[in-house]
Amino acid sequence: MYGDQEVPIYHLDITNCDLFQNSLGLSEALVLNGNVKKFTIAKNKIRDNDNIGIDMIGFEGTAPKNDFVREGICEQNELWNNSTTRNPSYQEASSASIYVDGGRDIVIQ
């Protein structure tokens, strides 16, 4: 989800999804980027992907104003076997289940 406008993507709810076996390149399985405010990411199963499971990003030049994800909840998600081992975009193996890079006021539990 890319919040690329001055008005934020607001009250986004991503719940009960199953994201699996994706070839992601440099992206992530579930990503919120830019002007996104008041969101919930809950009860999802994210597995067997070749990059990060959940990412909440800011300050990448996505939005002209308030270019960061904020005021959200990420809870009760199950993530496993997400790794760059099979991803040709990376020269080394690494992995992350939940990653915040430039986000603010996000509860992860």
N, C-alpha and C. Protein backbone atom coordinates (compact mmCIF):
# COMPACT_ATOMS: atom_id res chain seq x y z
N MET A 1 0.85 -1.16 0.00
CA MET A 1 0.00 0.00 0.00
C MET A 1 0.90 1.22 0.00
N TYR A 2 0.73 2.07 -0.99
CA TYR A 2 1.54 3.28 -1.11
C TYR A 2 0.67 4.51 -0.91
N GLY A 3 0.91 5.21 0.20
CA GLY A 3 0.24 6.48 0.45
C GLY A 3 1.02 7.58 -0.25
N ASP A 4 0.67 7.87 -1.50
CA ASP A 4 1.47 8.80 -2.30
C ASP A 4 0.79 10.15 -2.53
N GLN A 5 -0.24 10.44 -1.74
CA GLN A 5 -0.94 11.72 -1.86
C GLN A 5 -0.75 12.55 -0.58
N GLU A 6 -1.14 13.83 -0.62
CA GLU A 6 -1.07 14.67 0.59
C GLU A 6 -2.06 14.22 1.65
N VAL A 7 -3.19 13.69 1.24
CA VAL A 7 -4.18 13.14 2.17
C VAL A 7 -3.78 11.70 2.46
N PRO A 8 -3.69 11.32 3.74
CA PRO A 8 -3.21 9.97 4.04
C PRO A 8 -4.22 8.88 3.69
N ILE A 9 -3.70 7.68 3.46
CA ILE A 9 -4.54 6.50 3.49
C ILE A 9 -4.88 6.32 4.95
N TYR A 10 -6.15 6.27 5.28
CA TYR A 10 -6.61 6.40 6.66
C TYR A 10 -7.51 5.23 7.04
N HIS A 11 -7.32 4.71 8.22
CA HIS A 11 -8.12 3.59 8.75
C HIS A 11 -8.06 2.35 7.86
N LEU A 12 -6.86 1.97 7.49
CA LEU A 12 -6.63 0.77 6.69
C LEU A 12 -6.65 -0.44 7.62
N ASP A 13 -7.34 -1.49 7.21
CA ASP A 13 -7.43 -2.72 8.01
C ASP A 13 -7.05 -3.90 7.13
N ILE A 14 -5.93 -4.54 7.46
CA ILE A 14 -5.48 -5.74 6.74
C ILE A 14 -5.52 -6.89 7.74
N THR A 15 -6.54 -7.74 7.61
CA THR A 15 -6.81 -8.77 8.61
C THR A 15 -7.14 -10.10 7.94
N ASN A 16 -6.66 -11.18 8.58
CA ASN A 16 -6.98 -12.56 8.17
C ASN A 16 -6.56 -12.89 6.73
N CYS A 17 -5.39 -12.41 6.33
CA CYS A 17 -4.86 -12.74 5.00
C CYS A 17 -3.82 -13.84 5.13
N ASP A 18 -3.61 -14.57 4.06
CA ASP A 18 -2.57 -15.59 3.98
C ASP A 18 -1.70 -15.24 2.79
N LEU A 19 -0.48 -14.78 3.06
CA LEU A 19 0.47 -14.39 2.01
C LEU A 19 1.60 -15.40 2.03
N PHE A 20 1.80 -16.12 0.91
CA PHE A 20 2.79 -17.19 0.92
C PHE A 20 3.39 -17.42 -0.45
N GLN A 21 4.62 -17.91 -0.45
CA GLN A 21 5.37 -18.33 -1.64
C GLN A 21 5.49 -17.24 -2.69
N ASN A 22 5.76 -16.01 -2.27
CA ASN A 22 5.92 -14.90 -3.20
C ASN A 22 7.39 -14.69 -3.54
N SER A 23 7.67 -14.39 -4.81
CA SER A 23 9.00 -13.97 -5.26
C SER A 23 8.97 -12.45 -5.28
N LEU A 24 9.66 -11.82 -4.33
CA LEU A 24 9.44 -10.41 -4.04
C LEU A 24 10.51 -9.47 -4.56
N GLY A 25 11.64 -9.96 -4.98
CA GLY A 25 12.71 -9.05 -5.39
C GLY A 25 13.11 -8.18 -4.21
N LEU A 26 13.14 -6.86 -4.41
CA LEU A 26 13.53 -5.93 -3.35
C LEU A 26 12.35 -5.48 -2.48
N SER A 27 11.16 -5.96 -2.74
CA SER A 27 9.99 -5.56 -1.96
C SER A 27 9.73 -6.56 -0.83
N GLU A 28 8.65 -6.36 -0.12
CA GLU A 28 8.27 -7.18 1.02
C GLU A 28 6.90 -7.81 0.75
N ALA A 29 6.55 -8.83 1.52
CA ALA A 29 5.27 -9.51 1.31
C ALA A 29 4.09 -8.58 1.59
N LEU A 30 4.13 -7.86 2.71
CA LEU A 30 3.09 -6.90 3.05
C LEU A 30 3.79 -5.61 3.47
N VAL A 31 3.58 -4.56 2.71
CA VAL A 31 4.29 -3.30 2.99
C VAL A 31 3.34 -2.12 2.97
N LEU A 32 3.49 -1.26 3.97
CA LEU A 32 2.83 0.04 3.99
C LEU A 32 3.94 1.07 3.84
N ASN A 33 3.78 2.00 2.92
CA ASN A 33 4.83 2.95 2.60
C ASN A 33 4.23 4.32 2.38
N GLY A 34 4.84 5.34 2.95
CA GLY A 34 4.41 6.72 2.70
C GLY A 34 3.35 7.20 3.66
N ASN A 35 2.42 7.99 3.16
CA ASN A 35 1.43 8.69 3.97
C ASN A 35 0.26 7.76 4.33
N VAL A 36 0.49 6.94 5.36
CA VAL A 36 -0.51 5.98 5.85
C VAL A 36 -0.68 6.25 7.34
N LYS A 37 -1.92 6.42 7.79
CA LYS A 37 -2.20 6.80 9.17
C LYS A 37 -3.36 5.98 9.73
N LYS A 38 -3.21 5.52 10.96
CA LYS A 38 -4.23 4.76 11.68
C LYS A 38 -4.60 3.48 10.92
N PHE A 39 -3.82 2.45 11.14
CA PHE A 39 -4.00 1.20 10.43
C PHE A 39 -3.94 0.04 11.41
N THR A 40 -4.45 -1.09 10.95
CA THR A 40 -4.34 -2.35 11.69
C THR A 40 -3.87 -3.43 10.74
N ILE A 41 -2.85 -4.15 11.16
CA ILE A 41 -2.39 -5.36 10.46
C ILE A 41 -2.51 -6.47 11.49
N ALA A 42 -3.50 -7.35 11.34
CA ALA A 42 -3.78 -8.32 12.41
C ALA A 42 -4.21 -9.68 11.87
N LYS A 43 -3.80 -10.72 12.60
CA LYS A 43 -4.25 -12.09 12.37
C LYS A 43 -3.95 -12.61 10.97
N ASN A 44 -2.83 -12.16 10.40
CA ASN A 44 -2.41 -12.61 9.08
C ASN A 44 -1.39 -13.74 9.23
N LYS A 45 -1.30 -14.59 8.22
CA LYS A 45 -0.29 -15.64 8.15
C LYS A 45 0.59 -15.32 6.95
N ILE A 46 1.87 -15.09 7.21
CA ILE A 46 2.80 -14.67 6.17
C ILE A 46 3.99 -15.63 6.22
N ARG A 47 4.13 -16.44 5.16
CA ARG A 47 5.10 -17.53 5.23
C ARG A 47 5.70 -17.85 3.86
N ASP A 48 6.88 -18.43 3.92
CA ASP A 48 7.54 -18.98 2.73
C ASP A 48 7.74 -17.94 1.61
N ASN A 49 8.09 -16.71 1.98
CA ASN A 49 8.37 -15.66 1.02
C ASN A 49 9.87 -15.41 0.96
N ASP A 50 10.34 -14.82 -0.13
CA ASP A 50 11.78 -14.63 -0.27
C ASP A 50 12.26 -13.23 0.10
N ASN A 51 11.55 -12.59 1.05
CA ASN A 51 12.01 -11.33 1.64
C ASN A 51 11.22 -11.08 2.93
N ILE A 52 11.30 -9.90 3.45
CA ILE A 52 10.67 -9.52 4.72
C ILE A 52 9.17 -9.79 4.68
N GLY A 53 8.60 -10.21 5.81
CA GLY A 53 7.18 -10.50 5.91
C GLY A 53 6.31 -9.25 5.93
N ILE A 54 6.49 -8.39 6.95
CA ILE A 54 5.71 -7.14 7.09
C ILE A 54 6.70 -6.00 7.24
N ASP A 55 6.49 -4.92 6.48
CA ASP A 55 7.35 -3.74 6.56
C ASP A 55 6.49 -2.48 6.60
N MET A 56 6.82 -1.57 7.51
CA MET A 56 6.15 -0.28 7.64
C MET A 56 7.22 0.79 7.47
N ILE A 57 7.17 1.50 6.34
CA ILE A 57 8.28 2.33 5.87
C ILE A 57 7.91 3.81 5.85
N GLY A 58 8.94 4.64 5.97
CA GLY A 58 8.77 6.07 5.80
C GLY A 58 9.98 6.70 5.14
N PHE A 59 9.79 7.90 4.65
CA PHE A 59 10.86 8.76 4.15
C PHE A 59 11.62 8.18 2.95
N GLU A 60 10.88 7.56 2.05
CA GLU A 60 11.47 7.06 0.80
C GLU A 60 11.08 7.92 -0.40
N GLY A 61 10.47 9.06 -0.17
CA GLY A 61 10.05 9.92 -1.28
C GLY A 61 8.74 9.46 -1.91
N THR A 62 7.96 8.68 -1.18
CA THR A 62 6.69 8.16 -1.71
C THR A 62 5.60 9.23 -1.73
N ALA A 63 5.53 10.05 -0.65
CA ALA A 63 4.46 11.04 -0.52
C ALA A 63 5.05 12.45 -0.47
N PRO A 64 4.32 13.43 -1.01
CA PRO A 64 4.82 14.81 -0.98
C PRO A 64 4.79 15.43 0.42
N LYS A 65 4.00 14.85 1.32
CA LYS A 65 3.82 15.39 2.66
C LYS A 65 3.57 14.22 3.61
N ASN A 66 4.09 14.30 4.84
CA ASN A 66 3.90 13.23 5.83
C ASN A 66 4.27 11.87 5.25
N ASP A 67 5.48 11.77 4.78
CA ASP A 67 5.95 10.58 4.07
C ASP A 67 6.41 9.48 5.05
N PHE A 68 5.49 9.06 5.92
CA PHE A 68 5.81 7.98 6.85
C PHE A 68 4.54 7.31 7.36
N VAL A 69 4.66 6.04 7.67
CA VAL A 69 3.57 5.23 8.21
C VAL A 69 3.50 5.51 9.72
N ARG A 70 2.26 5.68 10.26
CA ARG A 70 2.16 6.09 11.66
C ARG A 70 0.82 5.68 12.28
N GLU A 71 0.85 5.68 13.62
CA GLU A 71 -0.34 5.46 14.44
C GLU A 71 -1.08 4.18 14.08
N GLY A 72 -0.35 3.07 14.13
CA GLY A 72 -0.96 1.80 13.76
C GLY A 72 -0.70 0.70 14.76
N ILE A 73 -1.36 -0.41 14.52
CA ILE A 73 -1.23 -1.61 15.35
C ILE A 73 -0.91 -2.79 14.44
N CYS A 74 0.09 -3.55 14.83
CA CYS A 74 0.46 -4.78 14.13
C CYS A 74 0.43 -5.87 15.19
N GLU A 75 -0.59 -6.74 15.15
CA GLU A 75 -0.76 -7.69 16.25
C GLU A 75 -1.30 -9.04 15.79
N GLN A 76 -0.96 -10.06 16.55
CA GLN A 76 -1.48 -11.42 16.37
C GLN A 76 -1.23 -11.98 14.97
N ASN A 77 -0.13 -11.58 14.37
CA ASN A 77 0.26 -12.11 13.07
C ASN A 77 1.18 -13.31 13.29
N GLU A 78 1.14 -14.26 12.37
CA GLU A 78 2.04 -15.41 12.39
C GLU A 78 2.93 -15.31 11.16
N LEU A 79 4.25 -15.29 11.39
CA LEU A 79 5.20 -15.20 10.29
C LEU A 79 6.26 -16.26 10.44
N TRP A 80 6.57 -16.98 9.34
CA TRP A 80 7.62 -17.98 9.39
C TRP A 80 8.18 -18.24 7.99
N ASN A 81 9.45 -18.64 8.00
CA ASN A 81 10.15 -19.04 6.79
C ASN A 81 10.17 -17.93 5.73
N ASN A 82 10.41 -16.71 6.15
CA ASN A 82 10.60 -15.59 5.23
C ASN A 82 12.10 -15.27 5.23
N SER A 83 12.76 -15.48 4.10
CA SER A 83 14.21 -15.36 4.03
C SER A 83 14.64 -14.99 2.62
N THR A 84 15.76 -14.27 2.52
CA THR A 84 16.30 -13.92 1.20
C THR A 84 17.18 -15.02 0.61
N THR A 85 17.24 -16.16 1.24
CA THR A 85 18.11 -17.26 0.78
C THR A 85 17.90 -17.58 -0.70
N ARG A 86 16.67 -17.61 -1.16
CA ARG A 86 16.35 -17.94 -2.56
C ARG A 86 16.07 -16.70 -3.42
N ASN A 87 16.34 -15.51 -2.90
CA ASN A 87 16.04 -14.28 -3.62
C ASN A 87 17.27 -13.82 -4.40
N PRO A 88 17.20 -13.80 -5.75
CA PRO A 88 18.37 -13.43 -6.55
C PRO A 88 18.76 -11.95 -6.43
N SER A 89 17.93 -11.12 -5.82
CA SER A 89 18.25 -9.70 -5.64
C SER A 89 19.27 -9.46 -4.53
N TYR A 90 19.52 -10.47 -3.72
CA TYR A 90 20.42 -10.33 -2.58
C TYR A 90 21.63 -11.23 -2.75
N GLN A 91 22.75 -10.77 -2.24
CA GLN A 91 24.00 -11.54 -2.31
C GLN A 91 24.23 -12.39 -1.06
N GLU A 92 23.36 -12.23 -0.07
CA GLU A 92 23.52 -12.99 1.17
C GLU A 92 22.15 -13.34 1.74
N ALA A 93 22.14 -14.31 2.61
CA ALA A 93 20.89 -14.72 3.24
C ALA A 93 20.62 -13.85 4.47
N SER A 94 19.43 -13.33 4.56
CA SER A 94 18.98 -12.61 5.75
C SER A 94 17.46 -12.73 5.81
N SER A 95 16.90 -12.36 6.92
CA SER A 95 15.45 -12.44 7.02
C SER A 95 14.95 -11.52 8.12
N ALA A 96 13.70 -11.18 8.04
CA ALA A 96 13.02 -10.42 9.08
C ALA A 96 11.55 -10.73 8.98
N SER A 97 10.92 -10.84 10.09
CA SER A 97 9.48 -11.06 10.08
C SER A 97 8.74 -9.74 10.02
N ILE A 98 9.01 -8.87 10.99
CA ILE A 98 8.34 -7.56 11.05
C ILE A 98 9.43 -6.50 11.14
N TYR A 99 9.33 -5.50 10.28
CA TYR A 99 10.38 -4.50 10.14
C TYR A 99 9.73 -3.12 10.07
N VAL A 100 10.27 -2.17 10.84
CA VAL A 100 9.82 -0.78 10.78
C VAL A 100 11.03 0.07 10.43
N ASP A 101 10.91 0.84 9.37
CA ASP A 101 12.01 1.69 8.90
C ASP A 101 11.43 3.06 8.57
N GLY A 102 11.43 3.95 9.54
CA GLY A 102 10.90 5.29 9.33
C GLY A 102 9.45 5.45 9.77
N GLY A 103 8.86 4.42 10.35
CA GLY A 103 7.50 4.52 10.88
C GLY A 103 7.52 5.16 12.26
N ARG A 104 6.35 5.54 12.76
CA ARG A 104 6.26 6.19 14.07
C ARG A 104 4.95 5.81 14.77
N ASP A 105 5.03 5.67 16.07
CA ASP A 105 3.85 5.39 16.90
C ASP A 105 3.12 4.14 16.44
N ILE A 106 3.86 3.05 16.32
CA ILE A 106 3.33 1.76 15.88
C ILE A 106 3.48 0.76 17.02
N VAL A 107 2.39 0.12 17.40
CA VAL A 107 2.41 -0.91 18.42
C VAL A 107 2.53 -2.26 17.72
N ILE A 108 3.54 -3.03 18.13
CA ILE A 108 3.74 -4.37 17.57
C ILE A 108 3.64 -5.35 18.73
N GLN A 109 2.71 -6.29 18.60
CA GLN A 109 2.55 -7.29 19.68
C GLN A 109 2.06 -8.61 19.12
